[in-house]
Amino acid sequence: MKGRFISLEGIEGTGKSTQAKLLSDYLKEKGFQVVLTEEPGGTQIGLRIRELLLSVEHKGMTAVTELLLYNASRSQHIREIILPAISRGAIVITDRFTDSTIAYQGFGR
């Protein structure tokens, strides 16, 4: 089977992580190889960027700075996690992806 990519999007508290886990568990029960991940995060660099973005110390960060940090994290995420998993035929499920960046850094500020 070819690999697949599924992104779950929604505002805070809508149950994205819960639904991602339920979907992952279901697909694994059906015999599929599944990689469950999140943004920002998913890699060591992504986790460090996530800490920086969520830090109270950096509340004055501009939307452009946030955008660049999210995209840096995503670049690492795609190369380290997503593409290798899809190449192996896995289904990748991510909690957030580009839609969140467009919504939050493009229009939500």
PDB file of N, CA and C in Angstrom:
ATOM      1  N   MET A   1       0.840  -1.188   0.000  1.00  0.00           N
ATOM      2  CA  MET A   1       0.000   0.000   0.000  1.00  0.00           C
ATOM      3  C   MET A   1       0.879   1.244   0.000  1.00  0.00           C
ATOM      4  N   LYS A   2       0.422   2.247  -0.701  1.00  0.00           N
ATOM      5  CA  LYS A   2       1.106   3.536  -0.671  1.00  0.00           C
ATOM      6  C   LYS A   2       0.848   4.201   0.674  1.00  0.00           C
ATOM      7  N   GLY A   3       1.824   4.991   1.109  1.00  0.00           N
ATOM      8  CA  GLY A   3       1.650   5.739   2.341  1.00  0.00           C
ATOM      9  C   GLY A   3       0.581   6.807   2.186  1.00  0.00           C
ATOM     10  N   ARG A   4       0.040   7.216   3.282  1.00  0.00           N
ATOM     11  CA  ARG A   4      -1.002   8.252   3.296  1.00  0.00           C
ATOM     12  C   ARG A   4      -0.662   9.284   4.357  1.00  0.00           C
ATOM     13  N   PHE A   5      -1.231  10.478   4.178  1.00  0.00           N
ATOM     14  CA  PHE A   5      -1.015  11.568   5.120  1.00  0.00           C
ATOM     15  C   PHE A   5      -2.367  12.140   5.507  1.00  0.00           C
ATOM     16  N   ILE A   6      -2.651  12.161   6.800  1.00  0.00           N
ATOM     17  CA  ILE A   6      -3.915  12.688   7.317  1.00  0.00           C
ATOM     18  C   ILE A   6      -3.593  13.770   8.334  1.00  0.00           C
ATOM     19  N   SER A   7      -4.166  14.951   8.122  1.00  0.00           N
ATOM     20  CA  SER A   7      -3.970  16.076   9.033  1.00  0.00           C
ATOM     21  C   SER A   7      -5.302  16.418   9.677  1.00  0.00           C
ATOM     22  N   LEU A   8      -5.309  16.501  11.001  1.00  0.00           N
ATOM     23  CA  LEU A   8      -6.511  16.904  11.728  1.00  0.00           C
ATOM     24  C   LEU A   8      -6.335  18.345  12.194  1.00  0.00           C
ATOM     25  N   GLU A   9      -7.300  19.170  11.861  1.00  0.00           N
ATOM     26  CA  GLU A   9      -7.239  20.596  12.163  1.00  0.00           C
ATOM     27  C   GLU A   9      -8.449  21.007  12.996  1.00  0.00           C
ATOM     28  N   GLY A  10      -8.299  22.091  13.718  1.00  0.00           N
ATOM     29  CA  GLY A  10      -9.394  22.634  14.505  1.00  0.00           C
ATOM     30  C   GLY A  10      -8.848  23.551  15.580  1.00  0.00           C
ATOM     31  N   ILE A  11      -9.737  24.336  16.161  1.00  0.00           N
ATOM     32  CA  ILE A  11      -9.310  25.264  17.201  1.00  0.00           C
ATOM     33  C   ILE A  11      -8.976  24.494  18.478  1.00  0.00           C
ATOM     34  N   GLU A  12      -8.369  25.195  19.420  1.00  0.00           N
ATOM     35  CA  GLU A  12      -7.967  24.589  20.697  1.00  0.00           C
ATOM     36  C   GLU A  12      -9.158  23.905  21.367  1.00  0.00           C
ATOM     37  N   GLY A  13      -8.927  22.711  21.882  1.00  0.00           N
ATOM     38  CA  GLY A  13      -9.939  22.031  22.679  1.00  0.00           C
ATOM     39  C   GLY A  13     -11.033  21.323  21.909  1.00  0.00           C
ATOM     40  N   THR A  14     -10.882  21.158  20.592  1.00  0.00           N
ATOM     41  CA  THR A  14     -11.938  20.516  19.806  1.00  0.00           C
ATOM     42  C   THR A  14     -11.801  19.003  19.732  1.00  0.00           C
ATOM     43  N   GLY A  15     -10.722  18.459  20.284  1.00  0.00           N
ATOM     44  CA  GLY A  15     -10.575  17.009  20.305  1.00  0.00           C
ATOM     45  C   GLY A  15      -9.699  16.433  19.209  1.00  0.00           C
ATOM     46  N   LYS A  16      -8.859  17.252  18.600  1.00  0.00           N
ATOM     47  CA  LYS A  16      -7.974  16.767  17.530  1.00  0.00           C
ATOM     48  C   LYS A  16      -7.082  15.633  18.009  1.00  0.00           C
ATOM     49  N   SER A  17      -6.431  15.829  19.133  1.00  0.00           N
ATOM     50  CA  SER A  17      -5.512  14.811  19.659  1.00  0.00           C
ATOM     51  C   SER A  17      -6.260  13.527  20.000  1.00  0.00           C
ATOM     52  N   THR A  18      -7.427  13.662  20.574  1.00  0.00           N
ATOM     53  CA  THR A  18      -8.240  12.495  20.916  1.00  0.00           C
ATOM     54  C   THR A  18      -8.639  11.736  19.663  1.00  0.00           C
ATOM     55  N   GLN A  19      -9.124  12.458  18.652  1.00  0.00           N
ATOM     56  CA  GLN A  19      -9.541  11.813  17.407  1.00  0.00           C
ATOM     57  C   GLN A  19      -8.354  11.188  16.674  1.00  0.00           C
ATOM     58  N   ALA A  20      -7.204  11.866  16.710  1.00  0.00           N
ATOM     59  CA  ALA A  20      -6.002  11.321  16.066  1.00  0.00           C
ATOM     60  C   ALA A  20      -5.620   9.993  16.711  1.00  0.00           C
ATOM     61  N   LYS A  21      -5.667   9.934  18.033  1.00  0.00           N
ATOM     62  CA  LYS A  21      -5.329   8.702  18.762  1.00  0.00           C
ATOM     63  C   LYS A  21      -6.336   7.599  18.458  1.00  0.00           C
ATOM     64  N   LEU A  22      -7.620   7.936  18.450  1.00  0.00           N
ATOM     65  CA  LEU A  22      -8.651   6.941  18.135  1.00  0.00           C
ATOM     66  C   LEU A  22      -8.472   6.393  16.723  1.00  0.00           C
ATOM     67  N   LEU A  23      -8.209   7.275  15.764  1.00  0.00           N
ATOM     68  CA  LEU A  23      -7.998   6.853  14.383  1.00  0.00           C
ATOM     69  C   LEU A  23      -6.751   5.985  14.270  1.00  0.00           C
ATOM     70  N   SER A  24      -5.687   6.398  14.925  1.00  0.00           N
ATOM     71  CA  SER A  24      -4.445   5.627  14.924  1.00  0.00           C
ATOM     72  C   SER A  24      -4.680   4.220  15.480  1.00  0.00           C
ATOM     73  N   ASP A  25      -5.341   4.130  16.616  1.00  0.00           N
ATOM     74  CA  ASP A  25      -5.624   2.830  17.235  1.00  0.00           C
ATOM     75  C   ASP A  25      -6.465   1.951  16.307  1.00  0.00           C
ATOM     76  N   TYR A  26      -7.481   2.538  15.696  1.00  0.00           N
ATOM     77  CA  TYR A  26      -8.359   1.798  14.781  1.00  0.00           C
ATOM     78  C   TYR A  26      -7.571   1.241  13.598  1.00  0.00           C
ATOM     79  N   LEU A  27      -6.763   2.101  12.966  1.00  0.00           N
ATOM     80  CA  LEU A  27      -5.992   1.669  11.799  1.00  0.00           C
ATOM     81  C   LEU A  27      -4.961   0.601  12.167  1.00  0.00           C
ATOM     82  N   LYS A  28      -4.348   0.737  13.337  1.00  0.00           N
ATOM     83  CA  LYS A  28      -3.397  -0.290  13.790  1.00  0.00           C
ATOM     84  C   LYS A  28      -4.098  -1.629  13.997  1.00  0.00           C
ATOM     85  N   GLU A  29      -5.322  -1.588  14.554  1.00  0.00           N
ATOM     86  CA  GLU A  29      -6.105  -2.817  14.737  1.00  0.00           C
ATOM     87  C   GLU A  29      -6.395  -3.494  13.407  1.00  0.00           C
ATOM     88  N   LYS A  30      -6.522  -2.692  12.353  1.00  0.00           N
ATOM     89  CA  LYS A  30      -6.793  -3.214  11.008  1.00  0.00           C
ATOM     90  C   LYS A  30      -5.520  -3.655  10.299  1.00  0.00           C
ATOM     91  N   GLY A  31      -4.384  -3.534  10.969  1.00  0.00           N
ATOM     92  CA  GLY A  31      -3.134  -4.019  10.414  1.00  0.00           C
ATOM     93  C   GLY A  31      -2.283  -3.002   9.679  1.00  0.00           C
ATOM     94  N   PHE A  32      -2.663  -1.741   9.747  1.00  0.00           N
ATOM     95  CA  PHE A  32      -1.886  -0.702   9.068  1.00  0.00           C
ATOM     96  C   PHE A  32      -0.735  -0.224   9.945  1.00  0.00           C
ATOM     97  N   GLN A  33       0.342   0.157   9.285  1.00  0.00           N
ATOM     98  CA  GLN A  33       1.456   0.801   9.985  1.00  0.00           C
ATOM     99  C   GLN A  33       1.090   2.279  10.106  1.00  0.00           C
ATOM    100  N   VAL A  34       1.110   2.806  11.319  1.00  0.00           N
ATOM    101  CA  VAL A  34       0.670   4.181  11.569  1.00  0.00           C
ATOM    102  C   VAL A  34       1.739   4.946  12.338  1.00  0.00           C
ATOM    103  N   VAL A  35       1.936   6.198  11.932  1.00  0.00           N
ATOM    104  CA  VAL A  35       2.803   7.121  12.664  1.00  0.00           C
ATOM    105  C   VAL A  35       1.918   8.269  13.128  1.00  0.00           C
ATOM    106  N   LEU A  36       1.846   8.479  14.426  1.00  0.00           N
ATOM    107  CA  LEU A  36       1.051   9.552  15.022  1.00  0.00           C
ATOM    108  C   LEU A  36       2.005  10.652  15.466  1.00  0.00           C
ATOM    109  N   THR A  37       1.747  11.873  15.015  1.00  0.00           N
ATOM    110  CA  THR A  37       2.654  12.975  15.306  1.00  0.00           C
ATOM    111  C   THR A  37       1.866  14.266  15.496  1.00  0.00           C
ATOM    112  N   GLU A  38       2.576  15.350  15.794  1.00  0.00           N
ATOM    113  CA  GLU A  38       1.917  16.635  16.025  1.00  0.00           C
ATOM    114  C   GLU A  38       2.807  17.776  15.568  1.00  0.00           C
ATOM    115  N   GLU A  39       2.172  18.931  15.383  1.00  0.00           N
ATOM    116  CA  GLU A  39       2.926  20.148  15.068  1.00  0.00           C
ATOM    117  C   GLU A  39       2.508  21.256  16.014  1.00  0.00           C
ATOM    118  N   PRO A  40       3.424  22.135  16.403  1.00  0.00           N
ATOM    119  CA  PRO A  40       4.861  21.943  16.209  1.00  0.00           C
ATOM    120  C   PRO A  40       5.354  20.860  17.142  1.00  0.00           C
ATOM    121  N   GLY A  41       6.362  20.192  16.731  1.00  0.00           N
ATOM    122  CA  GLY A  41       6.913  19.077  17.491  1.00  0.00           C
ATOM    123  C   GLY A  41       7.244  17.942  16.547  1.00  0.00           C
ATOM    124  N   GLY A  42       7.226  16.747  17.054  1.00  0.00           N
ATOM    125  CA  GLY A  42       7.483  15.587  16.223  1.00  0.00           C
ATOM    126  C   GLY A  42       8.952  15.229  16.072  1.00  0.00           C
ATOM    127  N   THR A  43       9.842  16.193  16.224  1.00  0.00           N
ATOM    128  CA  THR A  43      11.288  15.968  16.152  1.00  0.00           C
ATOM    129  C   THR A  43      11.932  16.689  17.332  1.00  0.00           C
ATOM    130  N   GLN A  44      13.193  16.417  17.577  1.00  0.00           N
ATOM    131  CA  GLN A  44      13.893  17.110  18.665  1.00  0.00           C
ATOM    132  C   GLN A  44      13.926  18.617  18.419  1.00  0.00           C
ATOM    133  N   ILE A  45      14.241  19.007  17.198  1.00  0.00           N
ATOM    134  CA  ILE A  45      14.264  20.440  16.872  1.00  0.00           C
ATOM    135  C   ILE A  45      12.860  21.018  16.990  1.00  0.00           C
ATOM    136  N   GLY A  46      11.877  20.286  16.497  1.00  0.00           N
ATOM    137  CA  GLY A  46      10.492  20.739  16.587  1.00  0.00           C
ATOM    138  C   GLY A  46      10.026  20.930  18.020  1.00  0.00           C
ATOM    139  N   LEU A  47      10.449  20.035  18.903  1.00  0.00           N
ATOM    140  CA  LEU A  47      10.078  20.169  20.318  1.00  0.00           C
ATOM    141  C   LEU A  47      10.702  21.409  20.945  1.00  0.00           C
ATOM    142  N   ARG A  48      11.931  21.699  20.580  1.00  0.00           N
ATOM    143  CA  ARG A  48      12.593  22.914  21.096  1.00  0.00           C
ATOM    144  C   ARG A  48      11.878  24.164  20.579  1.00  0.00           C
ATOM    145  N   ILE A  49      11.510  24.141  19.293  1.00  0.00           N
ATOM    146  CA  ILE A  49      10.781  25.274  18.718  1.00  0.00           C
ATOM    147  C   ILE A  49       9.421  25.409  19.402  1.00  0.00           C
ATOM    148  N   ARG A  50       8.750  24.292  19.669  1.00  0.00           N
ATOM    149  CA  ARG A  50       7.460  24.315  20.366  1.00  0.00           C
ATOM    150  C   ARG A  50       7.601  24.981  21.733  1.00  0.00           C
ATOM    151  N   GLU A  51       8.645  24.607  22.476  1.00  0.00           N
ATOM    152  CA  GLU A  51       8.895  25.223  23.786  1.00  0.00           C
ATOM    153  C   GLU A  51       9.061  26.733  23.650  1.00  0.00           C
ATOM    154  N   LEU A  52       9.804  27.146  22.652  1.00  0.00           N
ATOM    155  CA  LEU A  52      10.032  28.571  22.412  1.00  0.00           C
ATOM    156  C   LEU A  52       8.721  29.281  22.083  1.00  0.00           C
ATOM    157  N   LEU A  53       7.930  28.690  21.200  1.00  0.00           N
ATOM    158  CA  LEU A  53       6.667  29.303  20.791  1.00  0.00           C
ATOM    159  C   LEU A  53       5.667  29.406  21.939  1.00  0.00           C
ATOM    160  N   LEU A  54       5.662  28.428  22.818  1.00  0.00           N
ATOM    161  CA  LEU A  54       4.695  28.411  23.924  1.00  0.00           C
ATOM    162  C   LEU A  54       5.188  29.127  25.173  1.00  0.00           C
ATOM    163  N   SER A  55       6.424  29.584  25.164  1.00  0.00           N
ATOM    164  CA  SER A  55       7.013  30.244  26.324  1.00  0.00           C
ATOM    165  C   SER A  55       6.348  31.588  26.602  1.00  0.00           C
ATOM    166  N   VAL A  56       6.013  31.811  27.853  1.00  0.00           N
ATOM    167  CA  VAL A  56       5.410  33.079  28.278  1.00  0.00           C
ATOM    168  C   VAL A  56       6.386  34.235  28.060  1.00  0.00           C
ATOM    169  N   GLU A  57       7.668  33.939  28.121  1.00  0.00           N
ATOM    170  CA  GLU A  57       8.695  34.974  27.946  1.00  0.00           C
ATOM    171  C   GLU A  57       8.642  35.635  26.572  1.00  0.00           C
ATOM    172  N   HIS A  58       8.079  34.936  25.599  1.00  0.00           N
ATOM    173  CA  HIS A  58       8.115  35.427  24.221  1.00  0.00           C
ATOM    174  C   HIS A  58       6.737  35.845  23.710  1.00  0.00           C
ATOM    175  N   LYS A  59       5.903  36.376  24.582  1.00  0.00           N
ATOM    176  CA  LYS A  59       4.560  36.802  24.191  1.00  0.00           C
ATOM    177  C   LYS A  59       4.585  37.933  23.165  1.00  0.00           C
ATOM    178  N   GLY A  60       5.677  38.685  23.098  1.00  0.00           N
ATOM    179  CA  GLY A  60       5.782  39.789  22.153  1.00  0.00           C
ATOM    180  C   GLY A  60       6.254  39.371  20.772  1.00  0.00           C
ATOM    181  N   MET A  61       6.384  38.072  20.527  1.00  0.00           N
ATOM    182  CA  MET A  61       6.851  37.568  19.247  1.00  0.00           C
ATOM    183  C   MET A  61       5.879  37.985  18.139  1.00  0.00           C
ATOM    184  N   THR A  62       6.413  38.469  17.028  1.00  0.00           N
ATOM    185  CA  THR A  62       5.549  38.891  15.922  1.00  0.00           C
ATOM    186  C   THR A  62       4.993  37.680  15.182  1.00  0.00           C
ATOM    187  N   ALA A  63       3.922  37.899  14.441  1.00  0.00           N
ATOM    188  CA  ALA A  63       3.309  36.833  13.649  1.00  0.00           C
ATOM    189  C   ALA A  63       4.288  36.295  12.609  1.00  0.00           C
ATOM    190  N   VAL A  64       5.107  37.168  12.039  1.00  0.00           N
ATOM    191  CA  VAL A  64       6.086  36.723  11.035  1.00  0.00           C
ATOM    192  C   VAL A  64       7.137  35.824  11.681  1.00  0.00           C
ATOM    193  N   THR A  65       7.601  36.186  12.870  1.00  0.00           N
ATOM    194  CA  THR A  65       8.568  35.350  13.579  1.00  0.00           C
ATOM    195  C   THR A  65       7.955  33.986  13.879  1.00  0.00           C
ATOM    196  N   GLU A  66       6.720  33.976  14.365  1.00  0.00           N
ATOM    197  CA  GLU A  66       6.025  32.711  14.623  1.00  0.00           C
ATOM    198  C   GLU A  66       5.921  31.884  13.345  1.00  0.00           C
ATOM    199  N   LEU A  67       5.533  32.533  12.257  1.00  0.00           N
ATOM    200  CA  LEU A  67       5.386  31.849  10.976  1.00  0.00           C
ATOM    201  C   LEU A  67       6.687  31.163  10.566  1.00  0.00           C
ATOM    202  N   LEU A  68       7.790  31.881  10.679  1.00  0.00           N
ATOM    203  CA  LEU A  68       9.085  31.322  10.296  1.00  0.00           C
ATOM    204  C   LEU A  68       9.487  30.159  11.204  1.00  0.00           C
ATOM    205  N   LEU A  69       9.206  30.277  12.489  1.00  0.00           N
ATOM    206  CA  LEU A  69       9.525  29.185  13.413  1.00  0.00           C
ATOM    207  C   LEU A  69       8.668  27.946  13.136  1.00  0.00           C
ATOM    208  N   TYR A  70       7.379  28.147  12.896  1.00  0.00           N
ATOM    209  CA  TYR A  70       6.512  27.013  12.564  1.00  0.00           C
ATOM    210  C   TYR A  70       6.985  26.327  11.290  1.00  0.00           C
ATOM    211  N   ASN A  71       7.371  27.113  10.292  1.00  0.00           N
ATOM    212  CA  ASN A  71       7.831  26.518   9.040  1.00  0.00           C
ATOM    213  C   ASN A  71       9.175  25.823   9.197  1.00  0.00           C
ATOM    214  N   ALA A  72      10.040  26.339  10.060  1.00  0.00           N
ATOM    215  CA  ALA A  72      11.306  25.653  10.342  1.00  0.00           C
ATOM    216  C   ALA A  72      11.024  24.298  10.991  1.00  0.00           C
ATOM    217  N   SER A  73      10.119  24.290  11.950  1.00  0.00           N
ATOM    218  CA  SER A  73       9.735  23.042  12.604  1.00  0.00           C
ATOM    219  C   SER A  73       9.130  22.076  11.591  1.00  0.00           C
ATOM    220  N   ARG A  74       8.252  22.583  10.732  1.00  0.00           N
ATOM    221  CA  ARG A  74       7.588  21.736   9.728  1.00  0.00           C
ATOM    222  C   ARG A  74       8.599  21.134   8.753  1.00  0.00           C
ATOM    223  N   SER A  75       9.567  21.921   8.329  1.00  0.00           N
ATOM    224  CA  SER A  75      10.583  21.414   7.408  1.00  0.00           C
ATOM    225  C   SER A  75      11.295  20.202   8.005  1.00  0.00           C
ATOM    226  N   GLN A  76      11.670  20.317   9.259  1.00  0.00           N
ATOM    227  CA  GLN A  76      12.343  19.218   9.955  1.00  0.00           C
ATOM    228  C   GLN A  76      11.406  18.025  10.102  1.00  0.00           C
ATOM    229  N   HIS A  77      10.167  18.304  10.437  1.00  0.00           N
ATOM    230  CA  HIS A  77       9.137  17.284  10.636  1.00  0.00           C
ATOM    231  C   HIS A  77       8.913  16.480   9.354  1.00  0.00           C
ATOM    232  N   ILE A  78       8.802  17.188   8.240  1.00  0.00           N
ATOM    233  CA  ILE A  78       8.583  16.526   6.952  1.00  0.00           C
ATOM    234  C   ILE A  78       9.763  15.620   6.611  1.00  0.00           C
ATOM    235  N   ARG A  79      10.967  16.139   6.748  1.00  0.00           N
ATOM    236  CA  ARG A  79      12.164  15.369   6.357  1.00  0.00           C
ATOM    237  C   ARG A  79      12.474  14.203   7.300  1.00  0.00           C
ATOM    238  N   GLU A  80      12.276  14.405   8.595  1.00  0.00           N
ATOM    239  CA  GLU A  80      12.642  13.360   9.557  1.00  0.00           C
ATOM    240  C   GLU A  80      11.544  12.331   9.809  1.00  0.00           C
ATOM    241  N   ILE A  81      10.298  12.759   9.769  1.00  0.00           N
ATOM    242  CA  ILE A  81       9.199  11.884  10.187  1.00  0.00           C
ATOM    243  C   ILE A  81       8.254  11.538   9.036  1.00  0.00           C
ATOM    244  N   ILE A  82       7.678  12.554   8.414  1.00  0.00           N
ATOM    245  CA  ILE A  82       6.581  12.339   7.468  1.00  0.00           C
ATOM    246  C   ILE A  82       7.023  11.606   6.202  1.00  0.00           C
ATOM    247  N   LEU A  83       7.993  12.146   5.467  1.00  0.00           N
ATOM    248  CA  LEU A  83       8.404  11.518   4.209  1.00  0.00           C
ATOM    249  C   LEU A  83       8.959  10.104   4.391  1.00  0.00           C
ATOM    250  N   PRO A  84       9.832   9.871   5.375  1.00  0.00           N
ATOM    251  CA  PRO A  84      10.301   8.491   5.556  1.00  0.00           C
ATOM    252  C   PRO A  84       9.161   7.509   5.858  1.00  0.00           C
ATOM    253  N   ALA A  85       8.203   7.932   6.668  1.00  0.00           N
ATOM    254  CA  ALA A  85       7.081   7.051   7.015  1.00  0.00           C
ATOM    255  C   ALA A  85       6.218   6.762   5.792  1.00  0.00           C
ATOM    256  N   ILE A  86       5.906   7.785   5.018  1.00  0.00           N
ATOM    257  CA  ILE A  86       5.099   7.589   3.813  1.00  0.00           C
ATOM    258  C   ILE A  86       5.843   6.694   2.825  1.00  0.00           C
ATOM    259  N   SER A  87       7.146   6.877   2.713  1.00  0.00           N
ATOM    260  CA  SER A  87       7.960   6.042   1.817  1.00  0.00           C
ATOM    261  C   SER A  87       7.919   4.569   2.218  1.00  0.00           C
ATOM    262  N   ARG A  88       7.762   4.297   3.513  1.00  0.00           N
ATOM    263  CA  ARG A  88       7.657   2.922   4.010  1.00  0.00           C
ATOM    264  C   ARG A  88       6.248   2.356   3.846  1.00  0.00           C
ATOM    265  N   GLY A  89       5.316   3.184   3.387  1.00  0.00           N
ATOM    266  CA  GLY A  89       3.940   2.737   3.229  1.00  0.00           C
ATOM    267  C   GLY A  89       3.064   2.983   4.441  1.00  0.00           C
ATOM    268  N   ALA A  90       3.545   3.752   5.396  1.00  0.00           N
ATOM    269  CA  ALA A  90       2.777   4.022   6.617  1.00  0.00           C
ATOM    270  C   ALA A  90       1.724   5.105   6.383  1.00  0.00           C
ATOM    271  N   ILE A  91       0.760   5.122   7.264  1.00  0.00           N
ATOM    272  CA  ILE A  91      -0.219   6.202   7.318  1.00  0.00           C
ATOM    273  C   ILE A  91       0.262   7.156   8.402  1.00  0.00           C
ATOM    274  N   VAL A  92       0.466   8.404   8.034  1.00  0.00           N
ATOM    275  CA  VAL A  92       0.907   9.424   8.986  1.00  0.00           C
ATOM    276  C   VAL A  92      -0.309  10.250   9.380  1.00  0.00           C
ATOM    277  N   ILE A  93      -0.561  10.341  10.667  1.00  0.00           N
ATOM    278  CA  ILE A  93      -1.648  11.166  11.201  1.00  0.00           C
ATOM    279  C   ILE A  93      -1.003  12.266  12.022  1.00  0.00           C
ATOM    280  N   THR A  94      -1.309  13.513  11.674  1.00  0.00           N
ATOM    281  CA  THR A  94      -0.735  14.629  12.418  1.00  0.00           C
ATOM    282  C   THR A  94      -1.821  15.516  13.011  1.00  0.00           C
ATOM    283  N   ASP A  95      -1.567  15.938  14.222  1.00  0.00           N
ATOM    284  CA  ASP A  95      -2.413  16.904  14.920  1.00  0.00           C
ATOM    285  C   ASP A  95      -1.874  18.276  14.531  1.00  0.00           C
ATOM    286  N   ARG A  96      -2.513  18.897  13.572  1.00  0.00           N
ATOM    287  CA  ARG A  96      -2.179  20.197  12.974  1.00  0.00           C
ATOM    288  C   ARG A  96      -1.147  20.057  11.859  1.00  0.00           C
ATOM    289  N   PHE A  97      -1.298  20.971  10.885  1.00  0.00           N
ATOM    290  CA  PHE A  97      -0.323  21.078   9.801  1.00  0.00           C
ATOM    291  C   PHE A  97      -0.454  22.485   9.229  1.00  0.00           C
ATOM    292  N   THR A  98      -0.354  22.642   7.939  1.00  0.00           N
ATOM    293  CA  THR A  98      -0.285  23.978   7.336  1.00  0.00           C
ATOM    294  C   THR A  98      -1.533  24.825   7.553  1.00  0.00           C
ATOM    295  N   ASP A  99      -2.703  24.201   7.594  1.00  0.00           N
ATOM    296  CA  ASP A  99      -3.935  24.982   7.770  1.00  0.00           C
ATOM    297  C   ASP A  99      -3.907  25.797   9.059  1.00  0.00           C
ATOM    298  N   SER A 100      -3.379  25.215  10.114  1.00  0.00           N
ATOM    299  CA  SER A 100      -3.294  25.940  11.388  1.00  0.00           C
ATOM    300  C   SER A 100      -2.372  27.143  11.279  1.00  0.00           C
ATOM    301  N   THR A 101      -1.255  26.969  10.593  1.00  0.00           N
ATOM    302  CA  THR A 101      -0.317  28.081  10.429  1.00  0.00           C
ATOM    303  C   THR A 101      -0.962  29.219   9.655  1.00  0.00           C
ATOM    304  N   ILE A 102      -1.661  28.881   8.581  1.00  0.00           N
ATOM    305  CA  ILE A 102      -2.337  29.911   7.780  1.00  0.00           C
ATOM    306  C   ILE A 102      -3.383  30.627   8.629  1.00  0.00           C
ATOM    307  N   ALA A 103      -4.175  29.865   9.370  1.00  0.00           N
ATOM    308  CA  ALA A 103      -5.238  30.464  10.181  1.00  0.00           C
ATOM    309  C   ALA A 103      -4.687  31.329  11.304  1.00  0.00           C
ATOM    310  N   TYR A 104      -3.758  30.798  12.074  1.00  0.00           N
ATOM    311  CA  TYR A 104      -3.277  31.513  13.253  1.00  0.00           C
ATOM    312  C   TYR A 104      -2.302  32.634  12.924  1.00  0.00           C
ATOM    313  N   GLN A 105      -1.303  32.364  12.102  1.00  0.00           N
ATOM    314  CA  GLN A 105      -0.313  33.402  11.820  1.00  0.00           C
ATOM    315  C   GLN A 105      -0.761  34.319  10.686  1.00  0.00           C
ATOM    316  N   GLY A 106      -1.656  33.835   9.834  1.00  0.00           N
ATOM    317  CA  GLY A 106      -2.132  34.660   8.731  1.00  0.00           C
ATOM    318  C   GLY A 106      -3.295  35.556   9.103  1.00  0.00           C
ATOM    319  N   PHE A 107      -4.219  35.014   9.903  1.00  0.00           N
ATOM    320  CA  PHE A 107      -5.447  35.760  10.168  1.00  0.00           C
ATOM    321  C   PHE A 107      -5.822  35.850  11.638  1.00  0.00           C
ATOM    322  N   GLY A 108      -5.281  34.987  12.471  1.00  0.00           N
ATOM    323  CA  GLY A 108      -5.728  34.898  13.857  1.00  0.00           C
ATOM    324  C   GLY A 108      -5.097  35.881  14.814  1.00  0.00           C
ATOM    325  N   ARG A 109      -4.178  36.699  14.323  1.00  0.00           N
ATOM    326  CA  ARG A 109      -3.506  37.634  15.229  1.00  0.00           C
ATOM    327  C   ARG A 109      -3.943  39.050  14.982  1.00  0.00           C
TER     328      ARG A 109
END
